[in-house]
C-alpha atoms as a PDB file:
ATOM      1  CA  ASP A   1      50.150  22.136  24.036  1.00  0.00           C
ATOM      2  CA  SER A   2      51.854  19.213  22.249  1.00  0.00           C
ATOM      3  CA  LEU A   3      52.322  16.071  24.207  1.00  0.00           C
ATOM      4  CA  GLU A   4      55.486  13.834  23.789  1.00  0.00           C
ATOM      5  CA  GLY A   5      55.383  10.610  21.652  1.00  0.00           C
ATOM      6  CA  ASP A   6      56.078   8.084  24.365  1.00  0.00           C
ATOM      7  CA  PHE A   7      53.727   9.670  26.586  1.00  0.00           C
ATOM      8  CA  ILE A   8      51.239   9.349  24.095  1.00  0.00           C
ATOM      9  CA  GLU A   9      52.037   5.687  23.575  1.00  0.00           C
ATOM     10  CA  ARG A  10      51.819   4.745  27.407  1.00  0.00           C
ATOM     11  CA  ALA A  11      48.420   6.556  27.586  1.00  0.00           C
ATOM     12  CA  VAL A  12      47.139   4.741  24.607  1.00  0.00           C
ATOM     13  CA  ALA A  13      48.325   1.427  26.039  1.00  0.00           C
ATOM     14  CA  SER A  14      46.841   2.267  29.219  1.00  0.00           C
ATOM     15  CA  LEU A  15      43.419   2.125  27.406  1.00  0.00           C
ATOM     16  CA  LEU A  16      43.561  -0.788  25.439  1.00  0.00           C
ATOM     17  CA  SER A  17      43.022  -4.421  26.226  1.00  0.00           C
ATOM     18  CA  ASP A  18      45.218  -6.960  25.124  1.00  0.00           C
ATOM     19  CA  ALA A  19      43.053  -7.916  22.150  1.00  0.00           C
ATOM     20  CA  GLU A  20      42.575  -4.355  21.205  1.00  0.00           C
ATOM     21  CA  ARG A  21      46.115  -3.843  21.101  1.00  0.00           C
ATOM     22  CA  ALA A  22      46.600  -6.809  18.816  1.00  0.00           C
ATOM     23  CA  ARG A  23      43.944  -5.211  16.722  1.00  0.00           C
ATOM     24  CA  PHE A  24      45.508  -1.645  16.481  1.00  0.00           C
ATOM     25  CA  GLU A  25      48.934  -3.061  15.946  1.00  0.00           C
ATOM     26  CA  GLU A  26      47.638  -5.161  12.821  1.00  0.00           C
ATOM     27  CA  ALA A  27      45.273  -2.529  11.286  1.00  0.00           C
ATOM     28  CA  GLY A  28      47.240   0.871  12.308  1.00  0.00           C
ATOM     29  CA  GLU A  29      43.886   2.582  13.796  1.00  0.00           C
ATOM     30  CA  LEU A  30      41.186   1.733  16.313  1.00  0.00           C
ATOM     31  CA  ASP A  31      37.871   3.287  17.295  1.00  0.00           C
ATOM     32  CA  LEU A  32      36.394   2.677  20.649  1.00  0.00           C
ATOM     33  CA  ALA A  33      34.834   3.898  23.928  1.00  0.00           C
ATOM     34  CA  VAL A  34      36.458   3.811  27.127  1.00  0.00           C
ATOM     35  CA  THR A  35      35.101   4.932  30.755  1.00  0.00           C
ATOM     36  CA  VAL A  36      37.863   6.534  32.862  1.00  0.00           C
ATOM     37  CA  PRO A  37      36.895   6.400  36.479  1.00  0.00           C
ATOM     38  CA  ASP A  38      36.064   9.673  38.358  1.00  0.00           C
ATOM     39  CA  THR A  39      36.552  11.517  34.888  1.00  0.00           C
ATOM     40  CA  GLY A  40      33.813  10.183  32.471  1.00  0.00           C
ATOM     41  CA  ARG A  41      32.982   8.409  29.347  1.00  0.00           C
ATOM     42  CA  TYR A  42      35.223   8.932  26.065  1.00  0.00           C
ATOM     43  CA  ARG A  43      34.889   8.162  22.336  1.00  0.00           C
ATOM     44  CA  VAL A  44      38.323   7.275  21.137  1.00  0.00           C
ATOM     45  CA  ASN A  45      40.041   6.870  18.161  1.00  0.00           C
ATOM     46  CA  VAL A  46      43.508   5.748  17.887  1.00  0.00           C
ATOM     47  CA  TYR A  47      45.981   5.826  14.677  1.00  0.00           C
ATOM     48  CA  ARG A  48      49.646   5.651  13.703  1.00  0.00           C
ATOM     49  CA  GLN A  49      51.103   8.763  11.973  1.00  0.00           C
ATOM     50  CA  GLN A  50      54.098   9.798  10.618  1.00  0.00           C
ATOM     51  CA  HIS A  51      55.598  10.762  14.019  1.00  0.00           C
ATOM     52  CA  GLY A  52      54.107   7.884  16.066  1.00  0.00           C
ATOM     53  CA  VAL A  53      50.951   7.190  17.740  1.00  0.00           C
ATOM     54  CA  ASP A  54      48.082   9.804  18.039  1.00  0.00           C
ATOM     55  CA  LEU A  55      44.488   9.987  19.596  1.00  0.00           C
ATOM     56  CA  VAL A  56      41.517  11.867  19.435  1.00  0.00           C
ATOM     57  CA  LEU A  57      39.061  11.586  22.621  1.00  0.00           C
ATOM     58  CA  ARG A  58      35.426  12.841  22.524  1.00  0.00           C
ATOM     59  CA  ALA A  59      33.541  13.243  25.687  1.00  0.00           C
ATOM     60  CA  LEU A  60      30.166  11.244  25.960  1.00  0.00           C
ATOM     61  CA  PRO A  61      27.188  12.005  27.701  1.00  0.00           C
ATOM     62  CA  PRO A  62      26.880  10.375  31.139  1.00  0.00           C
ATOM     63  CA  ALA A  63      23.270   9.547  30.419  1.00  0.00           C
ATOM     64  CA  PRO A  64      20.980   9.412  27.458  1.00  0.00           C
ATOM     65  CA  PRO A  65      19.869  12.902  26.110  1.00  0.00           C
ATOM     66  CA  SER A  66      16.351  14.065  25.833  1.00  0.00           C
ATOM     67  CA  LEU A  67      14.574  15.275  22.756  1.00  0.00           C
ATOM     68  CA  SER A  68      14.561  18.731  24.395  1.00  0.00           C
ATOM     69  CA  GLU A  69      17.986  18.914  25.315  1.00  0.00           C
ATOM     70  CA  LEU A  70      19.043  17.946  21.820  1.00  0.00           C
ATOM     71  CA  GLY A  71      16.685  20.749  20.414  1.00  0.00           C
ATOM     72  CA  LEU A  72      14.750  18.621  18.844  1.00  0.00           C
ATOM     73  CA  PRO A  73      10.542  18.532  18.520  1.00  0.00           C
ATOM     74  CA  ASP A  74       8.631  16.495  21.017  1.00  0.00           C
ATOM     75  CA  THR A  75       6.982  15.422  18.141  1.00  0.00           C
ATOM     76  CA  LEU A  76       9.729  13.214  17.067  1.00  0.00           C
ATOM     77  CA  SER A  77       8.646  10.656  20.223  1.00  0.00           C
ATOM     78  CA  ARG A  78       5.927   9.445  18.354  1.00  0.00           C
ATOM     79  CA  LEU A  79       8.307   7.430  16.070  1.00  0.00           C
ATOM     80  CA  THR A  80       9.014   5.331  19.461  1.00  0.00           C
ATOM     81  CA  SER A  81       5.083   4.166  19.455  1.00  0.00           C
ATOM     82  CA  TYR A  82       5.813   1.601  16.309  1.00  0.00           C
ATOM     83  CA  HIS A  83       6.084  -2.052  17.535  1.00  0.00           C
ATOM     84  CA  GLN A  84       7.321  -3.280  13.940  1.00  0.00           C
ATOM     85  CA  GLY A  85       9.303  -1.655  11.260  1.00  0.00           C
ATOM     86  CA  MET A  86      12.492   0.324  10.653  1.00  0.00           C
ATOM     87  CA  VAL A  87      12.900   4.016  11.738  1.00  0.00           C
ATOM     88  CA  LEU A  88      16.191   5.518  10.611  1.00  0.00           C
ATOM     89  CA  VAL A  89      18.154   8.623  11.457  1.00  0.00           C
ATOM     90  CA  THR A  90      20.345   9.709   8.882  1.00  0.00           C
ATOM     91  CA  GLY A  91      22.941  12.817   7.842  1.00  0.00           C
ATOM     92  CA  PRO A  92      26.592  13.493   7.204  1.00  0.00           C
ATOM     93  CA  LYS A  93      29.010  12.848   9.668  1.00  0.00           C
ATOM     94  CA  GLY A  94      29.245  14.279  13.085  1.00  0.00           C
ATOM     95  CA  CYS A  95      25.419  15.894  12.670  1.00  0.00           C
ATOM     96  CA  GLY A  96      24.223  13.980  15.989  1.00  0.00           C
ATOM     97  CA  LYS A  97      22.750  11.065  14.486  1.00  0.00           C
ATOM     98  CA  SER A  98      23.691   8.831  17.307  1.00  0.00           C
ATOM     99  CA  SER A  99      22.466  11.164  19.924  1.00  0.00           C
ATOM    100  CA  THR A 100      18.988  11.456  18.419  1.00  0.00           C
ATOM    101  CA  LEU A 101      19.014   7.960  18.161  1.00  0.00           C
ATOM    102  CA  ALA A 102      20.109   7.217  22.016  1.00  0.00           C
ATOM    103  CA  ALA A 103      17.078  10.002  22.800  1.00  0.00           C
ATOM    104  CA  LEU A 104      14.678   7.857  21.090  1.00  0.00           C
ATOM    105  CA  VAL A 105      15.890   4.545  22.750  1.00  0.00           C
ATOM    106  CA  ASP A 106      15.806   6.224  26.076  1.00  0.00           C
ATOM    107  CA  ILE A 107      11.816   6.980  25.598  1.00  0.00           C
ATOM    108  CA  ILE A 108      11.644   3.360  24.876  1.00  0.00           C
ATOM    109  CA  ASN A 109      13.422   2.199  27.562  1.00  0.00           C
ATOM    110  CA  GLY A 110      11.269   4.238  30.039  1.00  0.00           C
ATOM    111  CA  SER A 111       7.857   3.775  28.551  1.00  0.00           C
ATOM    112  CA  ARG A 112       7.604   0.077  27.392  1.00  0.00           C
ATOM    113  CA  ASP A 113       8.042  -3.526  28.886  1.00  0.00           C
ATOM    114  CA  ASP A 114      10.308  -4.880  26.252  1.00  0.00           C
ATOM    115  CA  HIS A 115      13.906  -6.257  25.231  1.00  0.00           C
ATOM    116  CA  ILE A 116      15.901  -4.162  23.812  1.00  0.00           C
ATOM    117  CA  LEU A 117      19.085  -5.239  21.773  1.00  0.00           C
ATOM    118  CA  THR A 118      21.790  -2.753  20.461  1.00  0.00           C
ATOM    119  CA  VAL A 119      24.783  -3.246  18.199  1.00  0.00           C
ATOM    120  CA  GLU A 120      27.070  -0.110  18.277  1.00  0.00           C
ATOM    121  CA  ASP A 121      30.711   0.215  17.108  1.00  0.00           C
ATOM    122  CA  PRO A 122      31.296   1.495  19.601  1.00  0.00           C
ATOM    123  CA  ILE A 123      28.984   1.501  22.301  1.00  0.00           C
ATOM    124  CA  GLU A 124      28.366   5.446  23.038  1.00  0.00           C
ATOM    125  CA  VAL A 125      25.761   6.066  25.256  1.00  0.00           C
ATOM    126  CA  LEU A 126      25.128   3.788  27.955  1.00  0.00           C
ATOM    127  CA  HIS A 127      21.204   2.645  28.423  1.00  0.00           C
ATOM    128  CA  PRO A 128      20.865   1.244  32.277  1.00  0.00           C
ATOM    129  CA  SER A 129      17.652  -0.843  32.124  1.00  0.00           C
ATOM    130  CA  LYS A 130      14.479   1.144  33.126  1.00  0.00           C
ATOM    131  CA  ARG A 131      11.278  -0.454  32.199  1.00  0.00           C
ATOM    132  CA  CYS A 132      12.897  -2.347  29.327  1.00  0.00           C
ATOM    133  CA  VAL A 133      15.484  -5.007  29.579  1.00  0.00           C
ATOM    134  CA  VAL A 134      18.566  -3.400  27.314  1.00  0.00           C
ATOM    135  CA  ASN A 135      21.543  -5.586  26.415  1.00  0.00           C
ATOM    136  CA  GLN A 136      24.289  -3.388  24.410  1.00  0.00           C
ATOM    137  CA  ARG A 137      27.199  -5.074  22.162  1.00  0.00           C
ATOM    138  CA  ASP A 138      30.144  -3.731  21.050  1.00  0.00           C
ATOM    139  CA  VAL A 139      31.412  -4.623  17.526  1.00  0.00           C
ATOM    140  CA  GLY A 140      34.824  -5.643  18.119  1.00  0.00           C
ATOM    141  CA  ARG A 141      34.749  -6.642  21.887  1.00  0.00           C
ATOM    142  CA  HIS A 142      31.557  -8.533  21.965  1.00  0.00           C
ATOM    143  CA  THR A 143      30.806  -9.667  18.646  1.00  0.00           C
ATOM    144  CA  GLU A 144      32.827  -9.779  15.320  1.00  0.00           C
ATOM    145  CA  SER A 145      30.549  -7.563  13.004  1.00  0.00           C
ATOM    146  CA  PHE A 146      27.194  -5.746  12.772  1.00  0.00           C
ATOM    147  CA  ALA A 147      25.974  -8.620  10.553  1.00  0.00           C
ATOM    148  CA  ARG A 148      27.276 -11.213  12.883  1.00  0.00           C
ATOM    149  CA  ALA A 149      25.479  -9.870  15.909  1.00  0.00           C
ATOM    150  CA  LEU A 150      21.970  -9.076  13.790  1.00  0.00           C
ATOM    151  CA  ARG A 151      21.880 -13.217  12.413  1.00  0.00           C
ATOM    152  CA  ALA A 152      22.267 -13.811  16.439  1.00  0.00           C
ATOM    153  CA  ALA A 153      19.528 -11.206  17.423  1.00  0.00           C
ATOM    154  CA  LEU A 154      17.155 -12.958  15.411  1.00  0.00           C
ATOM    155  CA  ARG A 155      17.676 -16.011  18.059  1.00  0.00           C
ATOM    156  CA  GLU A 156      17.919 -13.692  21.182  1.00  0.00           C
ATOM    157  CA  ASP A 157      14.237 -12.769  21.200  1.00  0.00           C
ATOM    158  CA  PRO A 158      14.422  -8.805  21.266  1.00  0.00           C
ATOM    159  CA  ASP A 159      11.236  -6.501  20.588  1.00  0.00           C
ATOM    160  CA  VAL A 160      13.601  -3.541  19.464  1.00  0.00           C
ATOM    161  CA  ILE A 161      16.894  -3.929  17.639  1.00  0.00           C
ATOM    162  CA  VAL A 162      19.080  -0.557  17.697  1.00  0.00           C
ATOM    163  CA  ILE A 163      21.858  -0.667  14.812  1.00  0.00           C
ATOM    164  CA  GLY A 164      24.572   1.863  15.065  1.00  0.00           C
ATOM    165  CA  GLU A 165      25.495   2.230  11.694  1.00  0.00           C
ATOM    166  CA  LEU A 166      23.717   0.290   8.706  1.00  0.00           C
ATOM    167  CA  ARG A 167      26.949   0.205   6.497  1.00  0.00           C
ATOM    168  CA  ASP A 168      26.698  -2.581   4.147  1.00  0.00           C
ATOM    169  CA  PHE A 169      24.548  -4.803   2.044  1.00  0.00           C
ATOM    170  CA  GLU A 170      24.699  -7.476   4.516  1.00  0.00           C
ATOM    171  CA  THR A 171      23.760  -5.652   7.565  1.00  0.00           C
ATOM    172  CA  ILE A 172      21.108  -3.787   5.701  1.00  0.00           C
ATOM    173  CA  SER A 173      19.578  -7.022   4.479  1.00  0.00           C
ATOM    174  CA  LEU A 174      19.186  -8.657   7.830  1.00  0.00           C
ATOM    175  CA  ALA A 175      18.118  -5.206   9.267  1.00  0.00           C
ATOM    176  CA  LEU A 176      14.994  -5.351   6.631  1.00  0.00           C
ATOM    177  CA  THR A 177      14.554  -8.898   7.505  1.00  0.00           C
ATOM    178  CA  ALA A 178      14.241  -8.220  11.084  1.00  0.00           C
ATOM    179  CA  ALA A 179      11.873  -5.081  10.556  1.00  0.00           C
ATOM    180  CA  GLU A 180       9.651  -7.251   8.615  1.00  0.00           C
ATOM    181  CA  THR A 181       9.628 -10.120  10.813  1.00  0.00           C
ATOM    182  CA  GLY A 182       7.822  -8.207  13.900  1.00  0.00           C
ATOM    183  CA  HIS A 183      10.815  -6.372  15.273  1.00  0.00           C
ATOM    184  CA  LEU A 184      11.345  -2.523  15.607  1.00  0.00           C
ATOM    185  CA  VAL A 185      14.645  -1.827  14.170  1.00  0.00           C
ATOM    186  CA  LEU A 186      16.038   1.717  14.847  1.00  0.00           C
ATOM    187  CA  GLY A 187      19.487   2.435  13.219  1.00  0.00           C
ATOM    188  CA  THR A 188      21.420   5.389  11.344  1.00  0.00           C
ATOM    189  CA  LEU A 189      22.609   5.680   7.764  1.00  0.00           C
ATOM    190  CA  HIS A 190      25.080   8.317   6.181  1.00  0.00           C
ATOM    191  CA  THR A 191      22.680   9.784   3.766  1.00  0.00           C
ATOM    192  CA  ASP A 192      21.632  13.410   3.364  1.00  0.00           C
ATOM    193  CA  SER A 193      17.965  13.241   2.543  1.00  0.00           C
ATOM    194  CA  ALA A 194      14.894  11.048   3.081  1.00  0.00           C
ATOM    195  CA  ILE A 195      14.679  10.246  -0.450  1.00  0.00           C
ATOM    196  CA  ARG A 196      18.560   9.324  -0.933  1.00  0.00           C
ATOM    197  CA  THR A 197      18.234   7.056   1.972  1.00  0.00           C
ATOM    198  CA  ILE A 198      15.469   5.003   0.392  1.00  0.00           C
ATOM    199  CA  ASN A 199      17.443   4.750  -2.777  1.00  0.00           C
ATOM    200  CA  ARG A 200      20.359   3.657  -0.873  1.00  0.00           C
ATOM    201  CA  LEU A 201      18.831   1.033   0.904  1.00  0.00           C
ATOM    202  CA  ILE A 202      17.441  -0.577  -2.543  1.00  0.00           C
ATOM    203  CA  GLY A 203      20.597   0.239  -4.446  1.00  0.00           C
ATOM    204  CA  VAL A 204      22.679  -1.696  -2.440  1.00  0.00           C
ATOM    205  CA  PHE A 205      20.958  -4.917  -3.768  1.00  0.00           C
ATOM    206  CA  PRO A 206      21.627  -6.794  -6.852  1.00  0.00           C
ATOM    207  CA  ALA A 207      19.207  -5.377  -9.517  1.00  0.00           C
ATOM    208  CA  ASP A 208      17.083  -8.907  -9.800  1.00  0.00           C
ATOM    209  CA  GLN A 209      16.304  -8.253  -6.019  1.00  0.00           C
ATOM    210  CA  GLN A 210      15.362  -4.752  -6.200  1.00  0.00           C
ATOM    211  CA  ASP A 211      11.577  -4.923  -6.939  1.00  0.00           C
ATOM    212  CA  GLN A 212      11.457  -7.438  -3.831  1.00  0.00           C
ATOM    213  CA  VAL A 213      13.372  -5.149  -1.384  1.00  0.00           C
ATOM    214  CA  ARG A 214      10.859  -2.033  -2.960  1.00  0.00           C
ATOM    215  CA  ASN A 215       7.971  -4.173  -1.823  1.00  0.00           C
ATOM    216  CA  MET A 216       9.864  -4.960   1.667  1.00  0.00           C
ATOM    217  CA  LEU A 217      10.575  -1.272   2.231  1.00  0.00           C
ATOM    218  CA  SER A 218       7.063  -0.090   1.361  1.00  0.00           C
ATOM    219  CA  GLU A 219       5.582  -2.652   3.844  1.00  0.00           C
ATOM    220  CA  SER A 220       8.166  -2.069   6.657  1.00  0.00           C
ATOM    221  CA  LEU A 221       9.929   1.617   6.354  1.00  0.00           C
ATOM    222  CA  ARG A 222       7.798   3.508   9.176  1.00  0.00           C
ATOM    223  CA  ALA A 223      10.032   6.911   9.243  1.00  0.00           C
ATOM    224  CA  VAL A 224      13.360   8.725   7.906  1.00  0.00           C
ATOM    225  CA  VAL A 225      14.514  11.799   9.908  1.00  0.00           C
ATOM    226  CA  SER A 226      17.593  13.243   8.206  1.00  0.00           C
ATOM    227  CA  GLN A 227      19.328  16.028   9.992  1.00  0.00           C
ATOM    228  CA  ARG A 228      22.040  18.541  10.033  1.00  0.00           C
ATOM    229  CA  LEU A 229      23.423  20.744  12.888  1.00  0.00           C
ATOM    230  CA  VAL A 230      23.937  24.206  12.187  1.00  0.00           C
ATOM    231  CA  PRO A 231      25.932  27.189  14.048  1.00  0.00           C
ATOM    232  CA  THR A 232      23.600  29.534  15.843  1.00  0.00           C
ATOM    233  CA  VAL A 233      23.949  33.060  15.397  1.00  0.00           C
ATOM    234  CA  ASP A 234      26.385  33.767  18.165  1.00  0.00           C
ATOM    235  CA  GLY A 235      28.417  30.685  17.179  1.00  0.00           C
ATOM    236  CA  SER A 236      28.136  29.386  21.061  1.00  0.00           C
ATOM    237  CA  LYS A 237      26.343  25.941  19.730  1.00  0.00           C
ATOM    238  CA  ARG A 238      24.750  24.006  16.873  1.00  0.00           C
ATOM    239  CA  VAL A 239      21.175  23.276  16.690  1.00  0.00           C
ATOM    240  CA  PRO A 240      19.375  20.548  14.393  1.00  0.00           C
ATOM    241  CA  ALA A 241      17.529  21.087  11.364  1.00  0.00           C
ATOM    242  CA  LEU A 242      15.429  18.116  10.211  1.00  0.00           C
ATOM    243  CA  GLU A 243      13.689  16.704   7.062  1.00  0.00           C
ATOM    244  CA  THR A 244      11.311  14.190   8.632  1.00  0.00           C
ATOM    245  CA  LEU A 245       9.509  11.480   6.327  1.00  0.00           C
ATOM    246  CA  ILE A 246       6.647   9.504   7.676  1.00  0.00           C
ATOM    247  CA  VAL A 247       6.145   6.763   5.285  1.00  0.00           C
ATOM    248  CA  ASN A 248       2.063   6.670   4.703  1.00  0.00           C
ATOM    249  CA  ARG A 249       0.493   4.500   2.199  1.00  0.00           C
ATOM    250  CA  ALA A 250       0.994   7.265  -0.708  1.00  0.00           C
ATOM    251  CA  VAL A 251       4.687   6.999   0.297  1.00  0.00           C
ATOM    252  CA  GLY A 252       4.621   3.266   0.502  1.00  0.00           C
ATOM    253  CA  ASN A 253       3.159   3.175  -3.236  1.00  0.00           C
ATOM    254  CA  LEU A 254       5.671   5.340  -4.451  1.00  0.00           C
ATOM    255  CA  VAL A 255       8.435   3.125  -2.810  1.00  0.00           C
ATOM    256  CA  ARG A 256       6.961   0.086  -4.465  1.00  0.00           C
ATOM    257  CA  GLU A 257       6.517   1.747  -8.243  1.00  0.00           C
ATOM    258  CA  ASN A 258       9.894   3.023  -8.377  1.00  0.00           C
ATOM    259  CA  LYS A 259       8.717   6.701  -8.108  1.00  0.00           C
ATOM    260  CA  THR A 260      10.986   7.805  -5.028  1.00  0.00           C
ATOM    261  CA  PHE A 261      11.330  11.254  -6.622  1.00  0.00           C
ATOM    262  CA  GLN A 262       7.719  11.902  -6.301  1.00  0.00           C
ATOM    263  CA  ILE A 263       8.089  11.674  -2.489  1.00  0.00           C
ATOM    264  CA  GLN A 264       9.029  15.358  -2.512  1.00  0.00           C
ATOM    265  CA  SER A 265       5.673  16.479  -3.042  1.00  0.00           C
ATOM    266  CA  ILE A 266       4.247  14.517  -0.317  1.00  0.00           C
ATOM    267  CA  LEU A 267       7.026  15.832   2.106  1.00  0.00           C
ATOM    268  CA  GLN A 268       5.451  19.567   0.928  1.00  0.00           C
ATOM    269  CA  THR A 269       1.881  18.499   1.836  1.00  0.00           C
ATOM    270  CA  GLY A 270       2.439  16.169   4.769  1.00  0.00           C
ATOM    271  CA  ALA A 271       3.242  18.931   8.091  1.00  0.00           C
ATOM    272  CA  SER A 272      -0.192  17.457   9.638  1.00  0.00           C
ATOM    273  CA  GLN A 273       1.311  13.994   9.658  1.00  0.00           C
ATOM    274  CA  GLY A 274       4.540  15.239  11.097  1.00  0.00           C
ATOM    275  CA  MET A 275       6.351  15.559   7.942  1.00  0.00           C
ATOM    276  CA  CYS A 276       8.721  18.502   7.508  1.00  0.00           C
ATOM    277  CA  MET A 277      11.237  19.393   4.501  1.00  0.00           C
ATOM    278  CA  LEU A 278      14.728  20.546   5.392  1.00  0.00           C
ATOM    279  CA  ASP A 279      14.396  23.877   3.858  1.00  0.00           C
ATOM    280  CA  ASP A 280      11.217  24.372   5.935  1.00  0.00           C
ATOM    281  CA  SER A 281      13.126  23.742   9.164  1.00  0.00           C
ATOM    282  CA  LEU A 282      15.803  26.054   8.093  1.00  0.00           C
ATOM    283  CA  ARG A 283      13.504  28.892   7.300  1.00  0.00           C
ATOM    284  CA  ALA A 284      12.244  28.421  10.759  1.00  0.00           C
ATOM    285  CA  LEU A 285      15.459  28.921  12.425  1.00  0.00           C
ATOM    286  CA  VAL A 286      16.096  31.971  10.355  1.00  0.00           C
ATOM    287  CA  SER A 287      12.757  33.255  11.260  1.00  0.00           C
ATOM    288  CA  ALA A 288      13.431  32.948  14.961  1.00  0.00           C
ATOM    289  CA  GLY A 289      16.759  34.548  14.647  1.00  0.00           C
ATOM    290  CA  THR A 290      18.590  31.274  15.893  1.00  0.00           C
ATOM    291  CA  VAL A 291      20.869  31.090  12.696  1.00  0.00           C
ATOM    292  CA  THR A 292      21.801  33.488  10.090  1.00  0.00           C
ATOM    293  CA  LYS A 293      20.323  33.032   6.453  1.00  0.00           C
ATOM    294  CA  GLU A 294      23.794  32.806   5.251  1.00  0.00           C
ATOM    295  CA  GLU A 295      24.237  29.668   7.201  1.00  0.00           C
ATOM    296  CA  ALA A 296      20.941  28.109   6.158  1.00  0.00           C
ATOM    297  CA  LEU A 297      21.758  28.495   2.384  1.00  0.00           C
ATOM    298  CA  ARG A 298      24.739  26.681   3.096  1.00  0.00           C
ATOM    299  CA  HIS A 299      22.605  23.339   3.960  1.00  0.00           C
ATOM    300  CA  CYS A 300      19.553  24.132   1.838  1.00  0.00           C
ATOM    301  CA  ASP A 301      18.085  22.082  -0.925  1.00  0.00           C
ATOM    302  CA  ASP A 302      16.575  25.297  -2.719  1.00  0.00           C
ATOM    303  CA  PRO A 303      17.541  28.841  -2.130  1.00  0.00           C
ATOM    304  CA  LYS A 304      14.071  30.137  -3.173  1.00  0.00           C
ATOM    305  CA  LYS A 305      12.651  28.478   0.018  1.00  0.00           C
ATOM    306  CA  LEU A 306      14.810  30.939   1.988  1.00  0.00           C
ATOM    307  CA  GLY A 307      13.979  33.726  -0.270  1.00  0.00           C
ATOM    308  CA  ALA A 308      17.399  33.764  -1.840  1.00  0.00           C
END
């Protein structure tokens, strides 16, 4: 059913603070998360369109999800054992990156005695402090930008820094610096494979800095998890298919030597170290009868891997 425009305008007005209302009036769109008492927490996008104001709400989980709840392998928990370096969760929009990141943060929160600082736009999953002290900052509400929050973070003594999205040169540069200076950095990136992720991180820098960045990445990148969500056979839900790259010495050497295209062969043979190719993950889902071959073919890199 459609709702009257003035009702939506009133609903939007009730959700926004004065500062948010001013930002919306200026930009014509706004992304935020709100908690509605006795109802739940929602991610909200408000925007102006031809007929007035519209909004889209997406329900957020009341608590951080676990890996098993997300259908992810327990082996991913090993990615939370690092105390320094960078772990990235990547994939296209709407593939569950934020949920996977939240599950990893929750494992750290329950198993270590650290200071976790998150910078998000907006804060989706709330992390009450368990064994860790957790501070969550909302870009727009608590800080001007990811980059500004990261510059401040280096003076706020966190052990773990969680970045909702590595979206520009300055944020990526500061994240690399944090990973290199003794912090564990977890973040997401809109790239669709581990190799493209590495190339993107290097490619945002000017050409005369890229050799230095390759050296930094070869030392500080720990793992890249690239995921897709694939509809099940009965269409009742979507399940994750993963490509997982663990950065060992061989991978680090290829990054340093600008031979990232050769990482594919290490992914093919690295199962014993926790690595997995996307096509192998899709093939396992097809073999288990979880997803159809046709659906898997829509996401795979090499149809021959699925017998097509």
